[in-house]
Amino acid sequence: QTGLPPDATLGIVAVNRPGMPPSAALAEKLARKITYSSSGKSVQYVVIDLAQLVGLRYNFNQSFALTDPECRQTVFDFSIRNESFSKAMARVLKPVKLGYRIEGEAIVLYRP
């Protein structure tokens, strides 16, 4: 047990309305396989990079307000190869005990 809600642990997000399935276009973005590597960036800047790879935005102000200081923690030697966006997000956020949701087409980080 990590103390995170199941959606954060599994990389499944609450999209717009809890309990409602994501749109087909958004579901495709969340399942899209990506390859990425980085070292020495903060959690929020890794998330920004991952979001851009699948065509999503990042709500910096709201995420920062909800998750500072965790969002500023440095991620060292993060590398993924051919993993889904959702799985990549779980790998970034689980160590700092953060979750994410999508509002519109923007990612918002939060503390569970």
N, C-alpha and C. Protein backbone atom coordinates (compact mmCIF):
# COMPACT_ATOMS: atom_id res chain seq x y z
N GLN A 1 0.85 -1.18 0.00
CA GLN A 1 0.00 0.00 0.00
C GLN A 1 0.88 1.24 0.00
N THR A 2 0.67 2.13 -0.98
CA THR A 2 1.51 3.31 -1.11
C THR A 2 0.91 4.55 -0.47
N GLY A 3 -0.36 4.51 -0.11
CA GLY A 3 -1.01 5.70 0.40
C GLY A 3 -1.58 6.56 -0.70
N LEU A 4 -1.33 6.18 -1.97
CA LEU A 4 -1.88 6.90 -3.10
C LEU A 4 -3.23 6.31 -3.47
N PRO A 5 -4.12 7.10 -4.06
CA PRO A 5 -5.36 6.52 -4.53
C PRO A 5 -5.06 5.58 -5.69
N PRO A 6 -5.94 4.61 -5.93
CA PRO A 6 -5.68 3.65 -7.01
C PRO A 6 -5.42 4.30 -8.37
N ASP A 7 -6.09 5.43 -8.65
CA ASP A 7 -5.88 6.05 -9.96
C ASP A 7 -4.45 6.55 -10.14
N ALA A 8 -3.83 7.04 -9.08
CA ALA A 8 -2.45 7.51 -9.19
C ALA A 8 -1.48 6.34 -9.30
N THR A 9 -1.72 5.30 -8.53
CA THR A 9 -0.84 4.14 -8.55
C THR A 9 -0.87 3.46 -9.91
N LEU A 10 -2.03 3.36 -10.51
CA LEU A 10 -2.17 2.66 -11.77
C LEU A 10 -1.98 3.57 -12.97
N GLY A 11 -1.93 4.87 -12.74
CA GLY A 11 -1.76 5.79 -13.85
C GLY A 11 -3.06 6.07 -14.58
N ILE A 12 -4.19 5.74 -13.97
CA ILE A 12 -5.49 6.03 -14.58
C ILE A 12 -5.96 7.35 -13.99
N VAL A 13 -6.46 8.22 -14.82
CA VAL A 13 -6.82 9.54 -14.34
C VAL A 13 -8.32 9.75 -14.30
N ALA A 14 -8.72 10.66 -13.45
CA ALA A 14 -10.10 11.13 -13.46
C ALA A 14 -10.16 12.21 -14.53
N VAL A 15 -10.97 12.01 -15.53
CA VAL A 15 -11.02 12.91 -16.68
C VAL A 15 -12.31 13.71 -16.64
N ASN A 16 -12.19 14.99 -16.42
CA ASN A 16 -13.30 15.93 -16.38
C ASN A 16 -14.34 15.59 -15.33
N ARG A 17 -15.09 14.51 -15.50
CA ARG A 17 -16.12 14.15 -14.54
C ARG A 17 -15.80 12.77 -14.00
N PRO A 18 -15.59 12.65 -12.71
CA PRO A 18 -15.31 11.33 -12.14
C PRO A 18 -16.37 10.32 -12.53
N GLY A 19 -15.92 9.14 -12.88
CA GLY A 19 -16.85 8.08 -13.26
C GLY A 19 -17.23 8.07 -14.73
N MET A 20 -16.88 9.10 -15.45
CA MET A 20 -17.21 9.16 -16.88
C MET A 20 -15.99 8.73 -17.68
N PRO A 21 -16.20 7.92 -18.71
CA PRO A 21 -15.05 7.49 -19.51
C PRO A 21 -14.46 8.65 -20.31
N PRO A 22 -13.15 8.59 -20.57
CA PRO A 22 -12.54 9.65 -21.37
C PRO A 22 -13.01 9.58 -22.81
N SER A 23 -12.92 10.71 -23.50
CA SER A 23 -13.26 10.71 -24.92
C SER A 23 -12.30 9.79 -25.65
N ALA A 24 -12.67 9.36 -26.83
CA ALA A 24 -11.81 8.47 -27.61
C ALA A 24 -10.47 9.13 -27.90
N ALA A 25 -10.48 10.43 -28.24
CA ALA A 25 -9.23 11.12 -28.55
C ALA A 25 -8.33 11.21 -27.31
N LEU A 26 -8.92 11.49 -26.16
CA LEU A 26 -8.13 11.57 -24.94
C LEU A 26 -7.63 10.19 -24.52
N ALA A 27 -8.47 9.19 -24.65
CA ALA A 27 -8.05 7.82 -24.31
C ALA A 27 -6.87 7.40 -25.18
N GLU A 28 -6.87 7.82 -26.44
CA GLU A 28 -5.76 7.49 -27.33
C GLU A 28 -4.48 8.16 -26.86
N LYS A 29 -4.58 9.40 -26.40
CA LYS A 29 -3.39 10.11 -25.90
C LYS A 29 -2.84 9.43 -24.65
N LEU A 30 -3.72 9.00 -23.76
CA LEU A 30 -3.29 8.37 -22.52
C LEU A 30 -2.63 7.01 -22.77
N ALA A 31 -3.05 6.34 -23.84
CA ALA A 31 -2.50 5.03 -24.17
C ALA A 31 -1.29 5.11 -25.10
N ARG A 32 -1.05 6.29 -25.68
CA ARG A 32 0.04 6.43 -26.65
C ARG A 32 1.38 6.01 -26.06
N LYS A 33 2.13 5.22 -26.81
CA LYS A 33 3.45 4.75 -26.38
C LYS A 33 4.48 5.84 -26.65
N ILE A 34 5.30 6.12 -25.65
CA ILE A 34 6.30 7.17 -25.79
C ILE A 34 7.66 6.68 -25.30
N THR A 35 8.69 7.34 -25.78
CA THR A 35 10.06 7.09 -25.35
C THR A 35 10.63 8.43 -24.91
N TYR A 36 11.27 8.43 -23.75
CA TYR A 36 11.74 9.70 -23.17
C TYR A 36 12.83 9.40 -22.15
N SER A 37 13.79 10.30 -22.07
CA SER A 37 14.77 10.20 -20.99
C SER A 37 15.18 11.60 -20.56
N SER A 38 15.50 11.71 -19.27
CA SER A 38 15.86 12.99 -18.70
C SER A 38 16.59 12.74 -17.39
N SER A 39 17.39 13.72 -16.99
CA SER A 39 18.01 13.65 -15.68
C SER A 39 18.19 15.07 -15.16
N GLY A 40 17.85 15.26 -13.91
CA GLY A 40 18.07 16.55 -13.29
C GLY A 40 16.96 17.56 -13.47
N LYS A 41 15.82 17.14 -13.99
CA LYS A 41 14.67 18.05 -14.10
C LYS A 41 13.74 17.82 -12.92
N SER A 42 12.95 18.82 -12.60
CA SER A 42 11.96 18.66 -11.54
C SER A 42 10.80 17.81 -12.05
N VAL A 43 10.03 17.29 -11.10
CA VAL A 43 8.86 16.48 -11.44
C VAL A 43 7.97 17.24 -12.43
N GLN A 44 7.70 18.52 -12.14
CA GLN A 44 6.78 19.25 -13.00
C GLN A 44 7.33 19.42 -14.41
N TYR A 45 8.63 19.58 -14.58
CA TYR A 45 9.17 19.74 -15.92
C TYR A 45 9.24 18.41 -16.68
N VAL A 46 9.39 17.31 -15.97
CA VAL A 46 9.27 16.00 -16.63
C VAL A 46 7.83 15.81 -17.10
N VAL A 47 6.86 16.16 -16.26
CA VAL A 47 5.45 16.04 -16.63
C VAL A 47 5.13 16.92 -17.84
N ILE A 48 5.66 18.13 -17.85
CA ILE A 48 5.45 19.02 -19.01
C ILE A 48 5.97 18.35 -20.28
N ASP A 49 7.17 17.78 -20.22
CA ASP A 49 7.74 17.10 -21.39
C ASP A 49 6.86 15.94 -21.84
N LEU A 50 6.43 15.12 -20.90
CA LEU A 50 5.59 13.96 -21.24
C LEU A 50 4.27 14.42 -21.86
N ALA A 51 3.68 15.45 -21.28
CA ALA A 51 2.42 15.98 -21.81
C ALA A 51 2.58 16.45 -23.25
N GLN A 52 3.65 17.15 -23.52
CA GLN A 52 3.88 17.65 -24.88
C GLN A 52 4.05 16.52 -25.88
N LEU A 53 4.63 15.42 -25.44
CA LEU A 53 4.82 14.28 -26.34
C LEU A 53 3.50 13.69 -26.84
N VAL A 54 2.43 13.84 -26.06
CA VAL A 54 1.14 13.27 -26.46
C VAL A 54 0.11 14.34 -26.82
N GLY A 55 0.53 15.60 -26.83
CA GLY A 55 -0.38 16.67 -27.24
C GLY A 55 -1.28 17.21 -26.15
N LEU A 56 -0.85 17.10 -24.90
CA LEU A 56 -1.61 17.69 -23.79
C LEU A 56 -0.87 18.91 -23.26
N ARG A 57 -1.60 19.75 -22.53
CA ARG A 57 -1.00 20.91 -21.89
C ARG A 57 -0.80 20.60 -20.40
N TYR A 58 -0.14 21.50 -19.71
CA TYR A 58 0.10 21.37 -18.28
C TYR A 58 -0.33 22.65 -17.61
N ASN A 59 -1.18 22.56 -16.62
CA ASN A 59 -1.63 23.74 -15.88
C ASN A 59 -0.61 24.00 -14.77
N PHE A 60 0.38 24.82 -15.08
CA PHE A 60 1.49 25.08 -14.18
C PHE A 60 1.03 25.72 -12.88
N ASN A 61 0.27 26.79 -12.97
CA ASN A 61 -0.12 27.55 -11.77
C ASN A 61 -0.94 26.71 -10.80
N GLN A 62 -1.94 26.01 -11.31
CA GLN A 62 -2.79 25.21 -10.43
C GLN A 62 -2.01 24.03 -9.86
N SER A 63 -1.22 23.36 -10.69
CA SER A 63 -0.42 22.23 -10.22
C SER A 63 0.57 22.66 -9.15
N PHE A 64 1.23 23.78 -9.38
CA PHE A 64 2.20 24.29 -8.41
C PHE A 64 1.52 24.62 -7.09
N ALA A 65 0.38 25.29 -7.16
CA ALA A 65 -0.34 25.67 -5.95
C ALA A 65 -0.79 24.45 -5.15
N LEU A 66 -1.12 23.36 -5.83
CA LEU A 66 -1.61 22.16 -5.16
C LEU A 66 -0.50 21.22 -4.69
N THR A 67 0.70 21.34 -5.26
CA THR A 67 1.71 20.30 -5.00
C THR A 67 3.08 20.80 -4.60
N ASP A 68 3.26 22.09 -4.42
CA ASP A 68 4.56 22.57 -3.98
C ASP A 68 4.77 22.14 -2.52
N PRO A 69 5.86 21.59 -2.12
CA PRO A 69 7.16 21.51 -2.79
C PRO A 69 7.42 20.21 -3.56
N GLU A 70 6.51 19.23 -3.47
CA GLU A 70 6.77 17.94 -4.11
C GLU A 70 7.04 18.07 -5.61
N CYS A 71 6.31 18.97 -6.27
CA CYS A 71 6.47 19.11 -7.72
C CYS A 71 7.84 19.64 -8.12
N ARG A 72 8.56 20.22 -7.15
CA ARG A 72 9.89 20.76 -7.45
C ARG A 72 11.01 19.75 -7.18
N GLN A 73 10.67 18.58 -6.69
CA GLN A 73 11.71 17.58 -6.43
C GLN A 73 12.38 17.15 -7.73
N THR A 74 13.66 16.93 -7.66
CA THR A 74 14.43 16.56 -8.85
C THR A 74 14.27 15.08 -9.16
N VAL A 75 14.10 14.80 -10.45
CA VAL A 75 14.01 13.43 -10.94
C VAL A 75 15.34 13.12 -11.62
N PHE A 76 16.06 12.15 -11.09
CA PHE A 76 17.35 11.77 -11.66
C PHE A 76 17.20 10.50 -12.50
N ASP A 77 17.84 10.50 -13.64
CA ASP A 77 17.93 9.30 -14.49
C ASP A 77 16.58 8.65 -14.75
N PHE A 78 15.65 9.43 -15.26
CA PHE A 78 14.33 8.91 -15.63
C PHE A 78 14.36 8.54 -17.10
N SER A 79 14.00 7.31 -17.39
CA SER A 79 14.02 6.86 -18.77
C SER A 79 12.90 5.86 -19.01
N ILE A 80 12.16 6.07 -20.07
CA ILE A 80 11.12 5.12 -20.47
C ILE A 80 11.30 4.82 -21.95
N ARG A 81 10.91 3.64 -22.33
CA ARG A 81 11.00 3.25 -23.73
C ARG A 81 9.72 2.51 -24.10
N ASN A 82 8.99 3.09 -25.03
CA ASN A 82 7.78 2.47 -25.56
C ASN A 82 6.77 2.12 -24.45
N GLU A 83 6.54 3.07 -23.54
CA GLU A 83 5.56 2.90 -22.48
C GLU A 83 4.40 3.85 -22.71
N SER A 84 3.24 3.49 -22.21
CA SER A 84 2.08 4.38 -22.34
C SER A 84 2.30 5.64 -21.51
N PHE A 85 1.66 6.71 -21.94
CA PHE A 85 1.72 7.97 -21.21
C PHE A 85 1.27 7.75 -19.77
N SER A 86 0.17 7.02 -19.58
CA SER A 86 -0.35 6.79 -18.23
C SER A 86 0.66 6.08 -17.35
N LYS A 87 1.34 5.08 -17.90
CA LYS A 87 2.34 4.35 -17.11
C LYS A 87 3.54 5.25 -16.81
N ALA A 88 3.94 6.06 -17.77
CA ALA A 88 5.05 6.99 -17.55
C ALA A 88 4.71 7.98 -16.44
N MET A 89 3.49 8.49 -16.46
CA MET A 89 3.08 9.44 -15.42
C MET A 89 3.09 8.78 -14.04
N ALA A 90 2.63 7.56 -13.96
CA ALA A 90 2.65 6.85 -12.68
C ALA A 90 4.08 6.68 -12.18
N ARG A 91 5.00 6.40 -13.08
CA ARG A 91 6.41 6.20 -12.67
C ARG A 91 7.02 7.50 -12.16
N VAL A 92 6.61 8.64 -12.71
CA VAL A 92 7.14 9.93 -12.25
C VAL A 92 6.50 10.34 -10.93
N LEU A 93 5.20 10.15 -10.81
CA LEU A 93 4.46 10.71 -9.68
C LEU A 93 4.43 9.82 -8.44
N LYS A 94 4.49 8.51 -8.60
CA LYS A 94 4.39 7.62 -7.45
C LYS A 94 5.47 7.88 -6.40
N PRO A 95 6.74 8.06 -6.78
CA PRO A 95 7.77 8.29 -5.75
C PRO A 95 7.55 9.56 -4.90
N VAL A 96 6.88 10.55 -5.46
CA VAL A 96 6.64 11.79 -4.71
C VAL A 96 5.20 11.86 -4.17
N LYS A 97 4.49 10.74 -4.33
CA LYS A 97 3.13 10.61 -3.79
C LYS A 97 2.18 11.68 -4.30
N LEU A 98 2.24 11.91 -5.62
CA LEU A 98 1.31 12.84 -6.26
C LEU A 98 0.43 12.09 -7.25
N GLY A 99 -0.70 12.67 -7.53
CA GLY A 99 -1.60 12.16 -8.55
C GLY A 99 -1.80 13.20 -9.62
N TYR A 100 -2.57 12.86 -10.64
CA TYR A 100 -2.89 13.83 -11.67
C TYR A 100 -4.30 13.58 -12.18
N ARG A 101 -4.85 14.66 -12.71
CA ARG A 101 -6.14 14.59 -13.39
C ARG A 101 -6.03 15.42 -14.64
N ILE A 102 -6.98 15.26 -15.52
CA ILE A 102 -6.99 16.06 -16.75
C ILE A 102 -8.25 16.89 -16.75
N GLU A 103 -8.05 18.19 -16.87
CA GLU A 103 -9.16 19.14 -16.95
C GLU A 103 -9.10 19.76 -18.33
N GLY A 104 -10.09 19.48 -19.14
CA GLY A 104 -10.03 19.90 -20.54
C GLY A 104 -8.92 19.09 -21.19
N GLU A 105 -7.93 19.76 -21.70
CA GLU A 105 -6.76 19.09 -22.29
C GLU A 105 -5.50 19.40 -21.49
N ALA A 106 -5.68 19.77 -20.21
CA ALA A 106 -4.53 20.16 -19.39
C ALA A 106 -4.39 19.24 -18.18
N ILE A 107 -3.15 18.86 -17.89
CA ILE A 107 -2.83 18.04 -16.74
C ILE A 107 -2.74 18.94 -15.52
N VAL A 108 -3.33 18.47 -14.42
CA VAL A 108 -3.24 19.15 -13.13
C VAL A 108 -2.73 18.13 -12.12
N LEU A 109 -1.62 18.44 -11.48
CA LEU A 109 -1.09 17.60 -10.42
C LEU A 109 -1.80 17.92 -9.12
N TYR A 110 -1.94 16.93 -8.26
CA TYR A 110 -2.56 17.16 -6.96
C TYR A 110 -1.98 16.21 -5.93
N ARG A 111 -2.19 16.56 -4.67
CA ARG A 111 -1.82 15.70 -3.54
C ARG A 111 -3.04 14.88 -3.19
N PRO A 112 -2.95 13.55 -3.23
CA PRO A 112 -4.12 12.71 -2.87
C PRO A 112 -4.48 12.86 -1.40
